[in-house]
Amino acid sequence: MEKITQILIEEHKKILIVSDKIEKECEYIKKGGKINEEFFKKAIEFIRNYADKFHHAKEEDILFEEFCKTAEKGCLHCNPVEQMLYEHNIGRDFVKEMEEGIKKRNKRKIIENALGYVNLIREHIFKEDNILYPMAEKTISKEIQIEMLKKFQEIEKSNHSTINKSLSLLK
């Protein structure tokens, strides 16, 4: 049976691919290239729909909830969920400011916020993949993980068309 953390790690790989594309686009602009508004709009759409609404729904509404319940039982020496949620919000702020930069055609604002998002998400994903997820696997019971997997599948079914549209940016 597939583990919940494996699913999330696979989704992270897709988010990192888009982050790499964002970084390359910023480098192009820094070297004097024009702003590719269409690219940035698609990247923002991907972040909002795939990373935030789809992926973060699994983390925030399912994994983090169960993780906190486990922490409350005294099964953890620390609970990193608050920090992860804080970083999700910082990411949302970077995206909002990137969008504002696009509207104003402000290269500096686009680059600053796009690269801020890229750097944040890379560090954030590293922490989740290497610290949070292994902690979750060790502390959340197998029975609860099976229930969580069912909830993940429900989210995937209800977001199928949005996922496919968002993933088109990876091509």
N, C-alpha and C. Protein backbone atom coordinates (compact mmCIF):
# COMPACT_ATOMS: atom_id res chain seq x y z
N MET A 1 0.84 -1.19 0.00
CA MET A 1 0.00 0.00 0.00
C MET A 1 0.88 1.25 0.00
N GLU A 2 0.46 2.18 -0.79
CA GLU A 2 1.19 3.44 -0.88
C GLU A 2 1.06 4.21 0.44
N LYS A 3 2.14 4.84 0.85
CA LYS A 3 2.14 5.62 2.08
C LYS A 3 1.72 7.06 1.77
N ILE A 4 1.09 7.68 2.74
CA ILE A 4 0.67 9.07 2.58
C ILE A 4 1.87 9.97 2.31
N THR A 5 2.97 9.68 2.97
CA THR A 5 4.16 10.52 2.79
C THR A 5 4.74 10.36 1.38
N GLN A 6 4.65 9.16 0.81
CA GLN A 6 5.14 8.97 -0.57
C GLN A 6 4.34 9.82 -1.55
N ILE A 7 3.04 9.88 -1.33
CA ILE A 7 2.17 10.69 -2.19
C ILE A 7 2.58 12.15 -2.12
N LEU A 8 2.77 12.64 -0.90
CA LEU A 8 3.14 14.04 -0.71
C LEU A 8 4.53 14.34 -1.29
N ILE A 9 5.46 13.42 -1.16
CA ILE A 9 6.80 13.61 -1.71
C ILE A 9 6.75 13.68 -3.23
N GLU A 10 5.92 12.85 -3.85
CA GLU A 10 5.77 12.89 -5.31
C GLU A 10 5.18 14.24 -5.75
N GLU A 11 4.24 14.75 -4.98
CA GLU A 11 3.68 16.06 -5.30
C GLU A 11 4.73 17.15 -5.12
N HIS A 12 5.58 17.01 -4.12
CA HIS A 12 6.67 17.97 -3.92
C HIS A 12 7.57 18.02 -5.14
N LYS A 13 7.85 16.88 -5.74
CA LYS A 13 8.72 16.84 -6.93
C LYS A 13 8.15 17.71 -8.04
N LYS A 14 6.85 17.67 -8.21
CA LYS A 14 6.20 18.49 -9.24
C LYS A 14 6.29 19.98 -8.88
N ILE A 15 6.12 20.30 -7.63
CA ILE A 15 6.22 21.69 -7.17
C ILE A 15 7.65 22.20 -7.38
N LEU A 16 8.63 21.36 -7.14
CA LEU A 16 10.02 21.75 -7.33
C LEU A 16 10.36 21.96 -8.81
N ILE A 17 9.76 21.18 -9.70
CA ILE A 17 9.96 21.38 -11.14
C ILE A 17 9.48 22.78 -11.53
N VAL A 18 8.31 23.15 -11.07
CA VAL A 18 7.78 24.48 -11.38
C VAL A 18 8.66 25.56 -10.74
N SER A 19 9.13 25.31 -9.54
CA SER A 19 10.03 26.27 -8.88
C SER A 19 11.30 26.48 -9.70
N ASP A 20 11.85 25.41 -10.25
CA ASP A 20 13.03 25.53 -11.11
C ASP A 20 12.73 26.37 -12.35
N LYS A 21 11.55 26.18 -12.92
CA LYS A 21 11.16 26.96 -14.10
C LYS A 21 11.00 28.44 -13.74
N ILE A 22 10.45 28.70 -12.57
CA ILE A 22 10.30 30.09 -12.12
C ILE A 22 11.68 30.73 -11.96
N GLU A 23 12.61 30.00 -11.35
CA GLU A 23 13.96 30.52 -11.16
C GLU A 23 14.62 30.84 -12.51
N LYS A 24 14.49 29.94 -13.47
CA LYS A 24 15.08 30.16 -14.80
C LYS A 24 14.47 31.39 -15.46
N GLU A 25 13.18 31.55 -15.31
CA GLU A 25 12.51 32.72 -15.90
C GLU A 25 13.01 34.01 -15.26
N CYS A 26 13.23 33.98 -13.96
CA CYS A 26 13.77 35.16 -13.26
C CYS A 26 15.18 35.47 -13.73
N GLU A 27 15.98 34.45 -13.92
CA GLU A 27 17.35 34.66 -14.42
C GLU A 27 17.33 35.30 -15.80
N TYR A 28 16.42 34.85 -16.64
CA TYR A 28 16.25 35.43 -17.98
C TYR A 28 15.91 36.91 -17.88
N ILE A 29 15.00 37.26 -17.00
CA ILE A 29 14.60 38.68 -16.82
C ILE A 29 15.78 39.48 -16.29
N LYS A 30 16.51 38.92 -15.33
CA LYS A 30 17.67 39.63 -14.77
C LYS A 30 18.70 39.95 -15.84
N LYS A 31 18.79 39.10 -16.86
CA LYS A 31 19.77 39.31 -17.94
C LYS A 31 19.23 40.23 -19.03
N GLY A 32 18.09 40.88 -18.75
CA GLY A 32 17.55 41.84 -19.69
C GLY A 32 16.36 41.34 -20.49
N GLY A 33 15.93 40.13 -20.23
CA GLY A 33 14.78 39.58 -20.96
C GLY A 33 13.48 40.22 -20.53
N LYS A 34 12.49 40.08 -21.40
CA LYS A 34 11.17 40.64 -21.11
C LYS A 34 10.41 39.72 -20.17
N ILE A 35 9.49 40.32 -19.44
CA ILE A 35 8.62 39.56 -18.54
C ILE A 35 7.67 38.72 -19.38
N ASN A 36 7.66 37.43 -19.15
CA ASN A 36 6.72 36.53 -19.81
C ASN A 36 5.50 36.42 -18.89
N GLU A 37 4.57 37.36 -19.07
CA GLU A 37 3.39 37.40 -18.19
C GLU A 37 2.62 36.10 -18.21
N GLU A 38 2.49 35.51 -19.37
CA GLU A 38 1.72 34.26 -19.50
C GLU A 38 2.35 33.16 -18.65
N PHE A 39 3.68 33.07 -18.67
CA PHE A 39 4.36 32.07 -17.85
C PHE A 39 4.07 32.30 -16.37
N PHE A 40 4.24 33.54 -15.92
CA PHE A 40 4.05 33.82 -14.50
C PHE A 40 2.59 33.61 -14.07
N LYS A 41 1.66 33.94 -14.94
CA LYS A 41 0.25 33.71 -14.61
C LYS A 41 -0.02 32.21 -14.46
N LYS A 42 0.57 31.41 -15.35
CA LYS A 42 0.41 29.95 -15.26
C LYS A 42 1.09 29.41 -14.01
N ALA A 43 2.26 29.96 -13.69
CA ALA A 43 2.98 29.52 -12.49
C ALA A 43 2.17 29.83 -11.24
N ILE A 44 1.59 31.01 -11.19
CA ILE A 44 0.75 31.40 -10.05
C ILE A 44 -0.47 30.49 -9.97
N GLU A 45 -1.07 30.21 -11.11
CA GLU A 45 -2.22 29.31 -11.14
C GLU A 45 -1.83 27.92 -10.61
N PHE A 46 -0.66 27.44 -11.03
CA PHE A 46 -0.17 26.15 -10.55
C PHE A 46 0.01 26.18 -9.03
N ILE A 47 0.67 27.21 -8.54
CA ILE A 47 0.93 27.31 -7.10
C ILE A 47 -0.38 27.36 -6.32
N ARG A 48 -1.29 28.19 -6.79
CA ARG A 48 -2.56 28.34 -6.06
C ARG A 48 -3.42 27.08 -6.13
N ASN A 49 -3.48 26.46 -7.30
CA ASN A 49 -4.38 25.31 -7.45
C ASN A 49 -3.73 23.99 -7.06
N TYR A 50 -2.56 23.73 -7.56
CA TYR A 50 -1.92 22.44 -7.28
C TYR A 50 -1.25 22.46 -5.90
N ALA A 51 -0.33 23.40 -5.70
CA ALA A 51 0.43 23.41 -4.45
C ALA A 51 -0.45 23.78 -3.25
N ASP A 52 -1.27 24.79 -3.41
CA ASP A 52 -2.03 25.29 -2.25
C ASP A 52 -3.35 24.55 -2.06
N LYS A 53 -4.24 24.64 -3.01
CA LYS A 53 -5.57 24.04 -2.81
C LYS A 53 -5.53 22.52 -2.77
N PHE A 54 -4.72 21.90 -3.62
CA PHE A 54 -4.69 20.44 -3.70
C PHE A 54 -3.71 19.83 -2.69
N HIS A 55 -2.44 20.17 -2.82
CA HIS A 55 -1.40 19.58 -1.96
C HIS A 55 -1.55 20.02 -0.51
N HIS A 56 -1.67 21.32 -0.30
CA HIS A 56 -1.79 21.82 1.08
C HIS A 56 -3.07 21.37 1.75
N ALA A 57 -4.11 21.08 0.97
CA ALA A 57 -5.34 20.54 1.58
C ALA A 57 -5.04 19.21 2.26
N LYS A 58 -4.21 18.41 1.61
CA LYS A 58 -3.83 17.12 2.21
C LYS A 58 -2.98 17.34 3.46
N GLU A 59 -2.06 18.27 3.37
CA GLU A 59 -1.19 18.52 4.52
C GLU A 59 -1.95 19.18 5.66
N GLU A 60 -2.55 20.33 5.38
CA GLU A 60 -3.15 21.14 6.44
C GLU A 60 -4.40 20.50 7.04
N ASP A 61 -5.26 19.95 6.18
CA ASP A 61 -6.55 19.44 6.66
C ASP A 61 -6.50 17.98 7.11
N ILE A 62 -5.49 17.26 6.69
CA ILE A 62 -5.43 15.83 7.04
C ILE A 62 -4.17 15.52 7.84
N LEU A 63 -3.00 15.63 7.22
CA LEU A 63 -1.76 15.24 7.90
C LEU A 63 -1.50 16.08 9.15
N PHE A 64 -1.55 17.39 9.02
CA PHE A 64 -1.24 18.25 10.17
C PHE A 64 -2.24 18.04 11.30
N GLU A 65 -3.50 17.84 10.94
CA GLU A 65 -4.53 17.59 11.96
C GLU A 65 -4.19 16.33 12.76
N GLU A 66 -3.88 15.27 12.06
CA GLU A 66 -3.54 14.01 12.74
C GLU A 66 -2.23 14.12 13.50
N PHE A 67 -1.30 14.85 12.93
CA PHE A 67 -0.01 15.05 13.58
C PHE A 67 -0.20 15.76 14.92
N CYS A 68 -1.06 16.78 14.92
CA CYS A 68 -1.32 17.53 16.16
C CYS A 68 -2.03 16.66 17.19
N LYS A 69 -2.95 15.82 16.75
CA LYS A 69 -3.63 14.90 17.67
C LYS A 69 -2.61 13.96 18.32
N THR A 70 -1.68 13.49 17.53
CA THR A 70 -0.63 12.61 18.04
C THR A 70 0.26 13.35 19.02
N ALA A 71 0.58 14.59 18.70
CA ALA A 71 1.42 15.41 19.59
C ALA A 71 0.73 15.64 20.92
N GLU A 72 -0.58 15.87 20.86
CA GLU A 72 -1.35 16.12 22.10
C GLU A 72 -1.34 14.90 23.02
N LYS A 73 -1.19 13.73 22.46
CA LYS A 73 -1.14 12.50 23.26
C LYS A 73 0.24 12.31 23.91
N GLY A 74 1.15 13.22 23.60
CA GLY A 74 2.48 13.13 24.18
C GLY A 74 3.42 12.20 23.43
N CYS A 75 3.07 11.91 22.18
CA CYS A 75 3.88 10.98 21.39
C CYS A 75 5.03 11.66 20.66
N LEU A 76 5.15 12.95 20.79
CA LEU A 76 6.20 13.69 20.09
C LEU A 76 6.97 14.57 21.06
N HIS A 77 8.26 14.73 20.80
CA HIS A 77 9.05 15.64 21.63
C HIS A 77 8.91 17.08 21.17
N CYS A 78 8.46 17.29 19.92
CA CYS A 78 8.19 18.64 19.42
C CYS A 78 7.15 18.54 18.31
N ASN A 79 6.49 19.63 18.04
CA ASN A 79 5.47 19.65 17.00
C ASN A 79 5.82 20.75 15.99
N PRO A 80 6.31 20.38 14.81
CA PRO A 80 6.72 21.38 13.81
C PRO A 80 5.57 21.93 12.96
N VAL A 81 4.35 21.53 13.23
CA VAL A 81 3.22 21.92 12.39
C VAL A 81 3.04 23.44 12.34
N GLU A 82 3.15 24.11 13.46
CA GLU A 82 2.96 25.56 13.49
C GLU A 82 3.93 26.26 12.54
N GLN A 83 5.17 25.81 12.54
CA GLN A 83 6.18 26.39 11.64
C GLN A 83 5.83 26.11 10.17
N MET A 84 5.35 24.91 9.88
CA MET A 84 4.99 24.55 8.51
C MET A 84 3.82 25.42 8.02
N LEU A 85 2.84 25.62 8.87
CA LEU A 85 1.70 26.47 8.51
C LEU A 85 2.15 27.92 8.29
N TYR A 86 3.05 28.38 9.13
CA TYR A 86 3.60 29.73 8.99
C TYR A 86 4.29 29.87 7.63
N GLU A 87 5.05 28.88 7.25
CA GLU A 87 5.75 28.92 5.97
C GLU A 87 4.77 28.85 4.79
N HIS A 88 3.69 28.08 4.94
CA HIS A 88 2.66 28.06 3.89
C HIS A 88 2.12 29.47 3.67
N ASN A 89 1.89 30.19 4.76
CA ASN A 89 1.37 31.55 4.66
C ASN A 89 2.37 32.52 4.05
N ILE A 90 3.64 32.35 4.38
CA ILE A 90 4.67 33.19 3.76
C ILE A 90 4.68 32.95 2.26
N GLY A 91 4.57 31.69 1.85
CA GLY A 91 4.51 31.36 0.43
C GLY A 91 3.34 32.03 -0.26
N ARG A 92 2.19 32.02 0.39
CA ARG A 92 1.01 32.67 -0.17
C ARG A 92 1.25 34.18 -0.34
N ASP A 93 1.94 34.77 0.62
CA ASP A 93 2.26 36.20 0.53
C ASP A 93 3.19 36.49 -0.65
N PHE A 94 4.20 35.63 -0.85
CA PHE A 94 5.10 35.81 -2.01
C PHE A 94 4.32 35.74 -3.32
N VAL A 95 3.39 34.80 -3.41
CA VAL A 95 2.59 34.64 -4.63
C VAL A 95 1.71 35.87 -4.86
N LYS A 96 1.10 36.36 -3.80
CA LYS A 96 0.26 37.56 -3.90
C LYS A 96 1.07 38.75 -4.40
N GLU A 97 2.27 38.91 -3.85
CA GLU A 97 3.13 40.03 -4.25
C GLU A 97 3.68 39.84 -5.66
N MET A 98 3.95 38.60 -6.05
CA MET A 98 4.39 38.32 -7.41
C MET A 98 3.29 38.72 -8.40
N GLU A 99 2.07 38.36 -8.06
CA GLU A 99 0.92 38.72 -8.90
C GLU A 99 0.78 40.24 -9.01
N GLU A 100 0.98 40.93 -7.91
CA GLU A 100 0.92 42.39 -7.90
C GLU A 100 2.01 42.97 -8.79
N GLY A 101 3.19 42.37 -8.75
CA GLY A 101 4.29 42.81 -9.61
C GLY A 101 3.97 42.64 -11.09
N ILE A 102 3.29 41.55 -11.42
CA ILE A 102 2.90 41.31 -12.81
C ILE A 102 1.91 42.38 -13.26
N LYS A 103 0.92 42.65 -12.42
CA LYS A 103 -0.08 43.67 -12.77
C LYS A 103 0.57 45.03 -13.02
N LYS A 104 1.60 45.34 -12.23
CA LYS A 104 2.27 46.64 -12.36
C LYS A 104 3.45 46.59 -13.33
N ARG A 105 3.71 45.39 -13.88
CA ARG A 105 4.86 45.17 -14.78
C ARG A 105 6.16 45.63 -14.11
N ASN A 106 6.29 45.30 -12.84
CA ASN A 106 7.43 45.69 -12.04
C ASN A 106 8.40 44.51 -11.94
N LYS A 107 9.45 44.56 -12.75
CA LYS A 107 10.41 43.45 -12.81
C LYS A 107 11.00 43.13 -11.45
N ARG A 108 11.42 44.16 -10.73
CA ARG A 108 12.05 43.93 -9.42
C ARG A 108 11.11 43.19 -8.48
N LYS A 109 9.87 43.62 -8.44
CA LYS A 109 8.88 43.00 -7.54
C LYS A 109 8.60 41.56 -7.94
N ILE A 110 8.51 41.32 -9.23
CA ILE A 110 8.28 39.95 -9.71
C ILE A 110 9.45 39.06 -9.31
N ILE A 111 10.65 39.48 -9.64
CA ILE A 111 11.84 38.67 -9.37
C ILE A 111 12.02 38.45 -7.88
N GLU A 112 11.92 39.51 -7.10
CA GLU A 112 12.11 39.42 -5.65
C GLU A 112 11.14 38.40 -5.01
N ASN A 113 9.89 38.50 -5.38
CA ASN A 113 8.88 37.62 -4.78
C ASN A 113 8.90 36.21 -5.37
N ALA A 114 9.17 36.11 -6.65
CA ALA A 114 9.25 34.79 -7.28
C ALA A 114 10.42 34.00 -6.68
N LEU A 115 11.57 34.65 -6.57
CA LEU A 115 12.74 33.96 -5.99
C LEU A 115 12.56 33.74 -4.49
N GLY A 116 11.87 34.66 -3.82
CA GLY A 116 11.55 34.43 -2.41
C GLY A 116 10.72 33.18 -2.25
N TYR A 117 9.73 33.01 -3.12
CA TYR A 117 8.89 31.80 -3.09
C TYR A 117 9.74 30.55 -3.37
N VAL A 118 10.55 30.62 -4.41
CA VAL A 118 11.38 29.47 -4.80
C VAL A 118 12.28 29.04 -3.64
N ASN A 119 12.98 29.98 -3.04
CA ASN A 119 13.88 29.65 -1.93
C ASN A 119 13.12 29.10 -0.73
N LEU A 120 12.00 29.73 -0.41
CA LEU A 120 11.19 29.26 0.71
C LEU A 120 10.70 27.83 0.45
N ILE A 121 10.15 27.58 -0.73
CA ILE A 121 9.53 26.28 -0.99
C ILE A 121 10.58 25.17 -1.01
N ARG A 122 11.76 25.47 -1.50
CA ARG A 122 12.82 24.44 -1.50
C ARG A 122 13.20 24.05 -0.08
N GLU A 123 13.40 25.04 0.78
CA GLU A 123 13.74 24.76 2.19
C GLU A 123 12.58 24.08 2.90
N HIS A 124 11.37 24.54 2.62
CA HIS A 124 10.17 24.00 3.25
C HIS A 124 9.99 22.53 2.88
N ILE A 125 10.11 22.23 1.60
CA ILE A 125 9.95 20.84 1.15
C ILE A 125 11.03 19.96 1.75
N PHE A 126 12.25 20.47 1.84
CA PHE A 126 13.32 19.68 2.46
C PHE A 126 12.95 19.31 3.89
N LYS A 127 12.44 20.29 4.65
CA LYS A 127 12.06 20.03 6.05
C LYS A 127 10.92 19.02 6.13
N GLU A 128 9.93 19.17 5.27
CA GLU A 128 8.80 18.22 5.31
C GLU A 128 9.25 16.82 4.93
N ASP A 129 9.98 16.71 3.82
CA ASP A 129 10.39 15.38 3.34
C ASP A 129 11.34 14.67 4.30
N ASN A 130 12.21 15.43 4.96
CA ASN A 130 13.27 14.82 5.76
C ASN A 130 13.06 14.86 7.27
N ILE A 131 12.13 15.67 7.74
CA ILE A 131 11.89 15.77 9.18
C ILE A 131 10.43 15.44 9.52
N LEU A 132 9.52 16.23 8.98
CA LEU A 132 8.11 16.08 9.35
C LEU A 132 7.54 14.73 8.92
N TYR A 133 7.72 14.36 7.66
CA TYR A 133 7.11 13.12 7.17
C TYR A 133 7.66 11.87 7.89
N PRO A 134 8.98 11.77 8.08
CA PRO A 134 9.47 10.61 8.86
C PRO A 134 8.90 10.58 10.28
N MET A 135 8.75 11.76 10.90
CA MET A 135 8.14 11.82 12.24
C MET A 135 6.71 11.31 12.18
N ALA A 136 5.97 11.74 11.15
CA ALA A 136 4.57 11.33 11.01
C ALA A 136 4.46 9.82 10.83
N GLU A 137 5.32 9.25 10.00
CA GLU A 137 5.29 7.81 9.76
C GLU A 137 5.54 7.02 11.04
N LYS A 138 6.42 7.53 11.88
CA LYS A 138 6.76 6.83 13.12
C LYS A 138 5.69 6.98 14.19
N THR A 139 4.97 8.10 14.20
CA THR A 139 4.08 8.38 15.33
C THR A 139 2.59 8.19 15.04
N ILE A 140 2.18 8.31 13.78
CA ILE A 140 0.76 8.13 13.46
C ILE A 140 0.52 6.66 13.18
N SER A 141 -0.47 6.10 13.84
CA SER A 141 -0.74 4.66 13.72
C SER A 141 -1.07 4.27 12.28
N LYS A 142 -0.81 3.01 11.96
CA LYS A 142 -1.09 2.48 10.61
C LYS A 142 -2.58 2.60 10.28
N GLU A 143 -3.42 2.37 11.28
CA GLU A 143 -4.86 2.46 11.05
C GLU A 143 -5.27 3.88 10.65
N ILE A 144 -4.72 4.85 11.34
CA ILE A 144 -5.04 6.24 11.01
C ILE A 144 -4.45 6.61 9.65
N GLN A 145 -3.27 6.10 9.35
CA GLN A 145 -2.66 6.36 8.04
C GLN A 145 -3.53 5.81 6.91
N ILE A 146 -4.15 4.67 7.12
CA ILE A 146 -5.05 4.09 6.12
C ILE A 146 -6.26 5.00 5.92
N GLU A 147 -6.81 5.51 7.01
CA GLU A 147 -7.93 6.45 6.91
C GLU A 147 -7.51 7.74 6.21
N MET A 148 -6.31 8.20 6.50
CA MET A 148 -5.79 9.40 5.86
C MET A 148 -5.64 9.18 4.35
N LEU A 149 -5.18 8.00 3.98
CA LEU A 149 -5.01 7.67 2.56
C LEU A 149 -6.35 7.74 1.83
N LYS A 150 -7.40 7.27 2.47
CA LYS A 150 -8.75 7.35 1.88
C LYS A 150 -9.16 8.80 1.67
N LYS A 151 -8.85 9.65 2.65
CA LYS A 151 -9.18 11.08 2.53
C LYS A 151 -8.37 11.72 1.40
N PHE A 152 -7.11 11.30 1.27
CA PHE A 152 -6.27 11.80 0.16
C PHE A 152 -6.92 11.46 -1.17
N GLN A 153 -7.39 10.21 -1.29
CA GLN A 153 -8.00 9.76 -2.54
C GLN A 153 -9.27 10.55 -2.85
N GLU A 154 -10.03 10.92 -1.84
CA GLU A 154 -11.22 11.74 -2.04
C GLU A 154 -10.83 13.12 -2.59
N ILE A 155 -9.78 13.70 -2.03
CA ILE A 155 -9.30 15.01 -2.51
C ILE A 155 -8.84 14.89 -3.96
N GLU A 156 -8.15 13.81 -4.27
CA GLU A 156 -7.67 13.61 -5.64
C GLU A 156 -8.83 13.49 -6.62
N LYS A 157 -9.85 12.75 -6.24
CA LYS A 157 -11.03 12.59 -7.12
C LYS A 157 -11.75 13.92 -7.33
N SER A 158 -11.93 14.67 -6.27
CA SER A 158 -12.68 15.92 -6.38
C SER A 158 -11.89 17.03 -7.07
N ASN A 159 -10.59 16.86 -7.21
CA ASN A 159 -9.75 17.89 -7.85
C ASN A 159 -9.13 17.40 -9.16
N HIS A 160 -9.64 16.33 -9.72
CA HIS A 160 -9.02 15.69 -10.89
C HIS A 160 -8.78 16.66 -12.05
N SER A 161 -9.79 17.41 -12.45
CA SER A 161 -9.63 18.30 -13.61
C SER A 161 -8.67 19.45 -13.29
N THR A 162 -8.73 19.97 -12.08
CA THR A 162 -7.83 21.04 -11.67
C THR A 162 -6.38 20.55 -11.67
N ILE A 163 -6.17 19.34 -11.19
CA ILE A 163 -4.83 18.76 -11.15
C ILE A 163 -4.26 18.66 -12.55
N ASN A 164 -5.04 18.08 -13.47
CA ASN A 164 -4.57 17.91 -14.84
C ASN A 164 -4.24 19.25 -15.50
N LYS A 165 -5.09 20.24 -15.29
CA LYS A 165 -4.84 21.56 -15.86
C LYS A 165 -3.57 22.16 -15.26
N SER A 166 -3.39 22.04 -13.97
CA SER A 166 -2.21 22.58 -13.30
C SER A 166 -0.94 21.90 -13.77
N LEU A 167 -1.00 20.59 -13.96
CA LEU A 167 0.19 19.84 -14.34
C LEU A 167 0.63 20.13 -15.78
N SER A 168 -0.24 20.76 -16.55
CA SER A 168 0.15 21.10 -17.93
C SER A 168 1.34 22.04 -17.95
N LEU A 169 1.57 22.78 -16.88
CA LEU A 169 2.73 23.68 -16.81
C LEU A 169 4.04 22.91 -16.77
N LEU A 170 4.00 21.65 -16.36
CA LEU A 170 5.21 20.85 -16.28
C LEU A 170 5.73 20.43 -17.65
N LYS A 171 4.89 20.56 -18.65
CA LYS A 171 5.27 20.10 -20.00
C LYS A 171 6.08 21.14 -20.73
